[in-house]
């Protein structure tokens, strides 16, 4: 597994996501990292993330 550093861009995006959506830190970091690296989607079962607009959220239960 490749480790990805949390650079200043990801850190700032993490803070913006936390503020905008009241996310927990781990969720915000993962989402910010996906957004920064232009991921096609974010795969989860956490229905609280359905409000996220910056990346496509895909729910395992919907597959």
PDB file of N, CA and C in Angstrom:
ATOM      1  N   UNK A   1       0.839  -1.167   0.000  1.00  0.00           N
ATOM      2  CA  UNK A   1       0.000   0.000   0.000  1.00  0.00           C
ATOM      3  C   UNK A   1       0.891   1.239   0.000  1.00  0.00           C
ATOM      4  N   UNK A   2       0.549   2.181  -0.845  1.00  0.00           N
ATOM      5  CA  UNK A   2       1.312   3.424  -0.930  1.00  0.00           C
ATOM      6  C   UNK A   2       0.844   4.407   0.132  1.00  0.00           C
ATOM      7  N   UNK A   3       1.797   5.026   0.807  1.00  0.00           N
ATOM      8  CA  UNK A   3       1.467   6.057   1.790  1.00  0.00           C
ATOM      9  C   UNK A   3       1.405   7.407   1.083  1.00  0.00           C
ATOM     10  N   UNK A   4       0.427   8.201   1.418  1.00  0.00           N
ATOM     11  CA  UNK A   4       0.272   9.528   0.832  1.00  0.00           C
ATOM     12  C   UNK A   4       0.446  10.551   1.943  1.00  0.00           C
ATOM     13  N   UNK A   5       1.361  11.476   1.730  1.00  0.00           N
ATOM     14  CA  UNK A   5       1.579  12.536   2.708  1.00  0.00           C
ATOM     15  C   UNK A   5       0.416  13.523   2.696  1.00  0.00           C
ATOM     16  N   UNK A   6       0.134  14.076   3.843  1.00  0.00           N
ATOM     17  CA  UNK A   6      -0.864  15.140   3.928  1.00  0.00           C
ATOM     18  C   UNK A   6      -0.118  16.452   3.710  1.00  0.00           C
ATOM     19  N   UNK A   7      -0.225  16.955   2.493  1.00  0.00           N
ATOM     20  CA  UNK A   7       0.468  18.194   2.157  1.00  0.00           C
ATOM     21  C   UNK A   7      -0.395  19.397   2.560  1.00  0.00           C
ATOM     22  N   UNK A   8       0.135  20.605   2.437  1.00  0.00           N
ATOM     23  CA  UNK A   8      -0.638  21.787   2.846  1.00  0.00           C
ATOM     24  C   UNK A   8      -1.974  21.938   2.117  1.00  0.00           C
ATOM     25  N   UNK A   9      -2.038  21.509   0.855  1.00  0.00           N
ATOM     26  CA  UNK A   9      -3.288  21.607   0.099  1.00  0.00           C
ATOM     27  C   UNK A   9      -4.355  20.678   0.692  1.00  0.00           C
ATOM     28  N   UNK A  10      -3.945  19.455   1.007  1.00  0.00           N
ATOM     29  CA  UNK A  10      -4.876  18.494   1.613  1.00  0.00           C
ATOM     30  C   UNK A  10      -5.285  18.982   3.004  1.00  0.00           C
ATOM     31  N   UNK A  11      -4.356  19.515   3.762  1.00  0.00           N
ATOM     32  CA  UNK A  11      -4.671  20.011   5.103  1.00  0.00           C
ATOM     33  C   UNK A  11      -5.706  21.138   5.044  1.00  0.00           C
ATOM     34  N   UNK A  12      -5.532  22.076   4.118  1.00  0.00           N
ATOM     35  CA  UNK A  12      -6.490  23.177   3.983  1.00  0.00           C
ATOM     36  C   UNK A  12      -7.852  22.673   3.534  1.00  0.00           C
ATOM     37  N   UNK A  13      -7.861  21.730   2.584  1.00  0.00           N
ATOM     38  CA  UNK A  13      -9.129  21.169   2.115  1.00  0.00           C
ATOM     39  C   UNK A  13      -9.819  20.388   3.241  1.00  0.00           C
ATOM     40  N   UNK A  14      -9.022  19.696   4.053  1.00  0.00           N
ATOM     41  CA  UNK A  14      -9.568  18.981   5.210  1.00  0.00           C
ATOM     42  C   UNK A  14     -10.296  19.956   6.125  1.00  0.00           C
ATOM     43  N   UNK A  15      -9.665  21.069   6.416  1.00  0.00           N
ATOM     44  CA  UNK A  15     -10.280  22.076   7.294  1.00  0.00           C
ATOM     45  C   UNK A  15     -11.562  22.633   6.671  1.00  0.00           C
ATOM     46  N   UNK A  16     -11.547  22.905   5.369  1.00  0.00           N
ATOM     47  CA  UNK A  16     -12.757  23.431   4.704  1.00  0.00           C
ATOM     48  C   UNK A  16     -13.895  22.416   4.750  1.00  0.00           C
ATOM     49  N   UNK A  17     -13.577  21.141   4.490  1.00  0.00           N
ATOM     50  CA  UNK A  17     -14.611  20.102   4.519  1.00  0.00           C
ATOM     51  C   UNK A  17     -15.177  19.927   5.927  1.00  0.00           C
ATOM     52  N   UNK A  18     -14.293  19.935   6.925  1.00  0.00           N
ATOM     53  CA  UNK A  18     -14.761  19.818   8.318  1.00  0.00           C
ATOM     54  C   UNK A  18     -15.703  20.950   8.669  1.00  0.00           C
ATOM     55  N   UNK A  19     -15.346  22.160   8.275  1.00  0.00           N
ATOM     56  CA  UNK A  19     -16.178  23.326   8.588  1.00  0.00           C
ATOM     57  C   UNK A  19     -17.497  23.293   7.835  1.00  0.00           C
ATOM     58  N   UNK A  20     -17.457  22.922   6.572  1.00  0.00           N
ATOM     59  CA  UNK A  20     -18.654  22.953   5.740  1.00  0.00           C
ATOM     60  C   UNK A  20     -19.646  21.847   6.090  1.00  0.00           C
ATOM     61  N   UNK A  21     -19.136  20.663   6.475  1.00  0.00           N
ATOM     62  CA  UNK A  21     -20.006  19.503   6.665  1.00  0.00           C
ATOM     63  C   UNK A  21     -19.967  18.918   8.077  1.00  0.00           C
ATOM     64  N   UNK A  22     -19.263  19.549   8.989  1.00  0.00           N
ATOM     65  CA  UNK A  22     -19.126  19.038  10.365  1.00  0.00           C
ATOM     66  C   UNK A  22     -18.628  17.595  10.388  1.00  0.00           C
ATOM     67  N   UNK A  23     -17.604  17.329   9.593  1.00  0.00           N
ATOM     68  CA  UNK A  23     -17.057  15.978   9.486  1.00  0.00           C
ATOM     69  C   UNK A  23     -16.071  15.691  10.605  1.00  0.00           C
ATOM     70  N   UNK A  24     -15.900  14.410  10.899  1.00  0.00           N
ATOM     71  CA  UNK A  24     -14.839  13.973  11.800  1.00  0.00           C
ATOM     72  C   UNK A  24     -13.521  14.098  11.037  1.00  0.00           C
ATOM     73  N   UNK A  25     -12.434  14.280  11.759  1.00  0.00           N
ATOM     74  CA  UNK A  25     -11.131  14.486  11.132  1.00  0.00           C
ATOM     75  C   UNK A  25     -10.759  13.354  10.162  1.00  0.00           C
ATOM     76  N   UNK A  26     -10.868  12.072  10.548  1.00  0.00           N
ATOM     77  CA  UNK A  26     -10.475  11.013   9.598  1.00  0.00           C
ATOM     78  C   UNK A  26     -11.292  11.054   8.297  1.00  0.00           C
ATOM     79  N   UNK A  27     -12.588  11.298   8.414  1.00  0.00           N
ATOM     80  CA  UNK A  27     -13.423  11.381   7.213  1.00  0.00           C
ATOM     81  C   UNK A  27     -12.987  12.542   6.332  1.00  0.00           C
ATOM     82  N   UNK A  28     -12.745  13.681   6.936  1.00  0.00           N
ATOM     83  CA  UNK A  28     -12.342  14.867   6.177  1.00  0.00           C
ATOM     84  C   UNK A  28     -10.993  14.658   5.497  1.00  0.00           C
ATOM     85  N   UNK A  29     -10.057  14.014   6.177  1.00  0.00           N
ATOM     86  CA  UNK A  29      -8.744  13.743   5.579  1.00  0.00           C
ATOM     87  C   UNK A  29      -8.889  12.812   4.378  1.00  0.00           C
ATOM     88  N   UNK A  30      -9.650  11.753   4.538  1.00  0.00           N
ATOM     89  CA  UNK A  30      -9.822  10.798   3.437  1.00  0.00           C
ATOM     90  C   UNK A  30     -10.504  11.451   2.241  1.00  0.00           C
ATOM     91  N   UNK A  31     -11.539  12.211   2.491  1.00  0.00           N
ATOM     92  CA  UNK A  31     -12.232  12.893   1.399  1.00  0.00           C
ATOM     93  C   UNK A  31     -11.329  13.921   0.726  1.00  0.00           C
ATOM     94  N   UNK A  32     -10.633  14.722   1.518  1.00  0.00           N
ATOM     95  CA  UNK A  32      -9.741  15.738   0.958  1.00  0.00           C
ATOM     96  C   UNK A  32      -8.641  15.098   0.118  1.00  0.00           C
ATOM     97  N   UNK A  33      -8.125  13.979   0.571  1.00  0.00           N
ATOM     98  CA  UNK A  33      -7.082  13.285  -0.182  1.00  0.00           C
ATOM     99  C   UNK A  33      -7.626  12.781  -1.512  1.00  0.00           C
ATOM    100  N   UNK A  34      -8.822  12.215  -1.490  1.00  0.00           N
ATOM    101  CA  UNK A  34      -9.448  11.756  -2.727  1.00  0.00           C
ATOM    102  C   UNK A  34      -9.699  12.898  -3.693  1.00  0.00           C
ATOM    103  N   UNK A  35     -10.194  14.002  -3.185  1.00  0.00           N
ATOM    104  CA  UNK A  35     -10.467  15.174  -4.019  1.00  0.00           C
ATOM    105  C   UNK A  35      -9.158  15.706  -4.603  1.00  0.00           C
ATOM    106  N   UNK A  36      -8.139  15.843  -3.775  1.00  0.00           N
ATOM    107  CA  UNK A  36      -6.850  16.371  -4.217  1.00  0.00           C
ATOM    108  C   UNK A  36      -6.246  15.515  -5.336  1.00  0.00           C
ATOM    109  N   UNK A  37      -6.402  14.203  -5.215  1.00  0.00           N
ATOM    110  CA  UNK A  37      -5.821  13.288  -6.197  1.00  0.00           C
ATOM    111  C   UNK A  37      -6.793  12.947  -7.329  1.00  0.00           C
ATOM    112  N   UNK A  38      -7.876  13.700  -7.437  1.00  0.00           N
ATOM    113  CA  UNK A  38      -8.861  13.552  -8.519  1.00  0.00           C
ATOM    114  C   UNK A  38      -9.449  12.147  -8.609  1.00  0.00           C
ATOM    115  N   UNK A  39      -9.770  11.578  -7.452  1.00  0.00           N
ATOM    116  CA  UNK A  39     -10.422  10.270  -7.439  1.00  0.00           C
ATOM    117  C   UNK A  39     -11.775  10.367  -8.140  1.00  0.00           C
ATOM    118  N   UNK A  40     -12.159   9.297  -8.797  1.00  0.00           N
ATOM    119  CA  UNK A  40     -13.447   9.271  -9.488  1.00  0.00           C
ATOM    120  C   UNK A  40     -14.610   9.289  -8.504  1.00  0.00           C
ATOM    121  N   UNK A  41     -14.410   8.653  -7.345  1.00  0.00           N
ATOM    122  CA  UNK A  41     -15.487   8.587  -6.358  1.00  0.00           C
ATOM    123  C   UNK A  41     -14.895   8.231  -4.998  1.00  0.00           C
ATOM    124  N   UNK A  42     -15.764   8.301  -3.990  1.00  0.00           N
ATOM    125  CA  UNK A  42     -15.413   7.907  -2.622  1.00  0.00           C
ATOM    126  C   UNK A  42     -16.387   6.813  -2.229  1.00  0.00           C
ATOM    127  N   UNK A  43     -15.881   5.622  -1.959  1.00  0.00           N
ATOM    128  CA  UNK A  43     -16.702   4.456  -1.659  1.00  0.00           C
ATOM    129  C   UNK A  43     -16.885   4.329  -0.147  1.00  0.00           C
ATOM    130  N   UNK A  44     -18.132   4.243   0.298  1.00  0.00           N
ATOM    131  CA  UNK A  44     -18.414   4.215   1.731  1.00  0.00           C
ATOM    132  C   UNK A  44     -19.780   3.579   1.990  1.00  0.00           C
ATOM    133  N   UNK A  45     -20.059   3.322   3.231  1.00  0.00           N
ATOM    134  CA  UNK A  45     -21.405   2.961   3.675  1.00  0.00           C
ATOM    135  C   UNK A  45     -21.927   3.987   4.666  1.00  0.00           C
ATOM    136  N   UNK A  46     -21.199   5.068   4.848  1.00  0.00           N
ATOM    137  CA  UNK A  46     -21.565   6.113   5.802  1.00  0.00           C
ATOM    138  C   UNK A  46     -22.550   7.085   5.149  1.00  0.00           C
ATOM    139  N   UNK A  47     -23.819   6.914   5.425  1.00  0.00           N
ATOM    140  CA  UNK A  47     -24.869   7.731   4.803  1.00  0.00           C
ATOM    141  C   UNK A  47     -24.757   9.209   5.175  1.00  0.00           C
ATOM    142  N   UNK A  48     -24.024   9.513   6.255  1.00  0.00           N
ATOM    143  CA  UNK A  48     -23.842  10.923   6.632  1.00  0.00           C
ATOM    144  C   UNK A  48     -23.031  11.681   5.589  1.00  0.00           C
ATOM    145  N   UNK A  49     -22.322  10.968   4.723  1.00  0.00           N
ATOM    146  CA  UNK A  49     -21.492  11.623   3.718  1.00  0.00           C
ATOM    147  C   UNK A  49     -22.259  11.962   2.447  1.00  0.00           C
ATOM    148  N   UNK A  50     -23.547  11.676   2.421  1.00  0.00           N
ATOM    149  CA  UNK A  50     -24.328  11.932   1.204  1.00  0.00           C
ATOM    150  C   UNK A  50     -24.402  13.419   0.858  1.00  0.00           C
ATOM    151  N   UNK A  51     -24.168  14.287   1.798  1.00  0.00           N
ATOM    152  CA  UNK A  51     -24.229  15.737   1.555  1.00  0.00           C
ATOM    153  C   UNK A  51     -22.997  16.273   0.832  1.00  0.00           C
ATOM    154  N   UNK A  52     -21.923  15.499   0.773  1.00  0.00           N
ATOM    155  CA  UNK A  52     -20.672  15.958   0.177  1.00  0.00           C
ATOM    156  C   UNK A  52     -20.867  16.214  -1.318  1.00  0.00           C
ATOM    157  N   UNK A  53     -20.490  17.393  -1.768  1.00  0.00           N
ATOM    158  CA  UNK A  53     -20.674  17.773  -3.176  1.00  0.00           C
ATOM    159  C   UNK A  53     -19.363  17.777  -3.961  1.00  0.00           C
ATOM    160  N   UNK A  54     -18.227  17.804  -3.284  1.00  0.00           N
ATOM    161  CA  UNK A  54     -16.938  17.972  -3.943  1.00  0.00           C
ATOM    162  C   UNK A  54     -16.410  16.713  -4.636  1.00  0.00           C
ATOM    163  N   UNK A  55     -16.992  15.553  -4.319  1.00  0.00           N
ATOM    164  CA  UNK A  55     -16.585  14.283  -4.912  1.00  0.00           C
ATOM    165  C   UNK A  55     -17.826  13.385  -4.956  1.00  0.00           C
ATOM    166  N   UNK A  56     -17.891  12.536  -5.942  1.00  0.00           N
ATOM    167  CA  UNK A  56     -19.014  11.603  -6.047  1.00  0.00           C
ATOM    168  C   UNK A  56     -18.914  10.571  -4.928  1.00  0.00           C
ATOM    169  N   UNK A  57     -19.982  10.441  -4.172  1.00  0.00           N
ATOM    170  CA  UNK A  57     -20.035   9.462  -3.089  1.00  0.00           C
ATOM    171  C   UNK A  57     -20.811   8.246  -3.596  1.00  0.00           C
ATOM    172  N   UNK A  58     -20.196   7.078  -3.478  1.00  0.00           N
ATOM    173  CA  UNK A  58     -20.828   5.810  -3.882  1.00  0.00           C
ATOM    174  C   UNK A  58     -20.994   4.965  -2.635  1.00  0.00           C
ATOM    175  N   UNK A  59     -22.214   4.481  -2.429  1.00  0.00           N
ATOM    176  CA  UNK A  59     -22.516   3.674  -1.250  1.00  0.00           C
ATOM    177  C   UNK A  59     -22.480   2.193  -1.615  1.00  0.00           C
ATOM    178  N   UNK A  60     -21.769   1.403  -0.804  1.00  0.00           N
ATOM    179  CA  UNK A  60     -21.660  -0.027  -1.059  1.00  0.00           C
ATOM    180  C   UNK A  60     -23.026  -0.688  -1.165  1.00  0.00           C
ATOM    181  N   UNK A  61     -23.951  -0.277  -0.336  1.00  0.00           N
ATOM    182  CA  UNK A  61     -25.289  -0.865  -0.343  1.00  0.00           C
ATOM    183  C   UNK A  61     -26.020  -0.623  -1.670  1.00  0.00           C
ATOM    184  N   UNK A  62     -25.586   0.390  -2.428  1.00  0.00           N
ATOM    185  CA  UNK A  62     -26.238   0.719  -3.700  1.00  0.00           C
ATOM    186  C   UNK A  62     -25.653  -0.067  -4.873  1.00  0.00           C
ATOM    187  N   UNK A  63     -24.567  -0.794  -4.653  1.00  0.00           N
ATOM    188  CA  UNK A  63     -23.927  -1.529  -5.738  1.00  0.00           C
ATOM    189  C   UNK A  63     -24.550  -2.890  -5.943  1.00  0.00           C
TER     190      UNK A  63
END
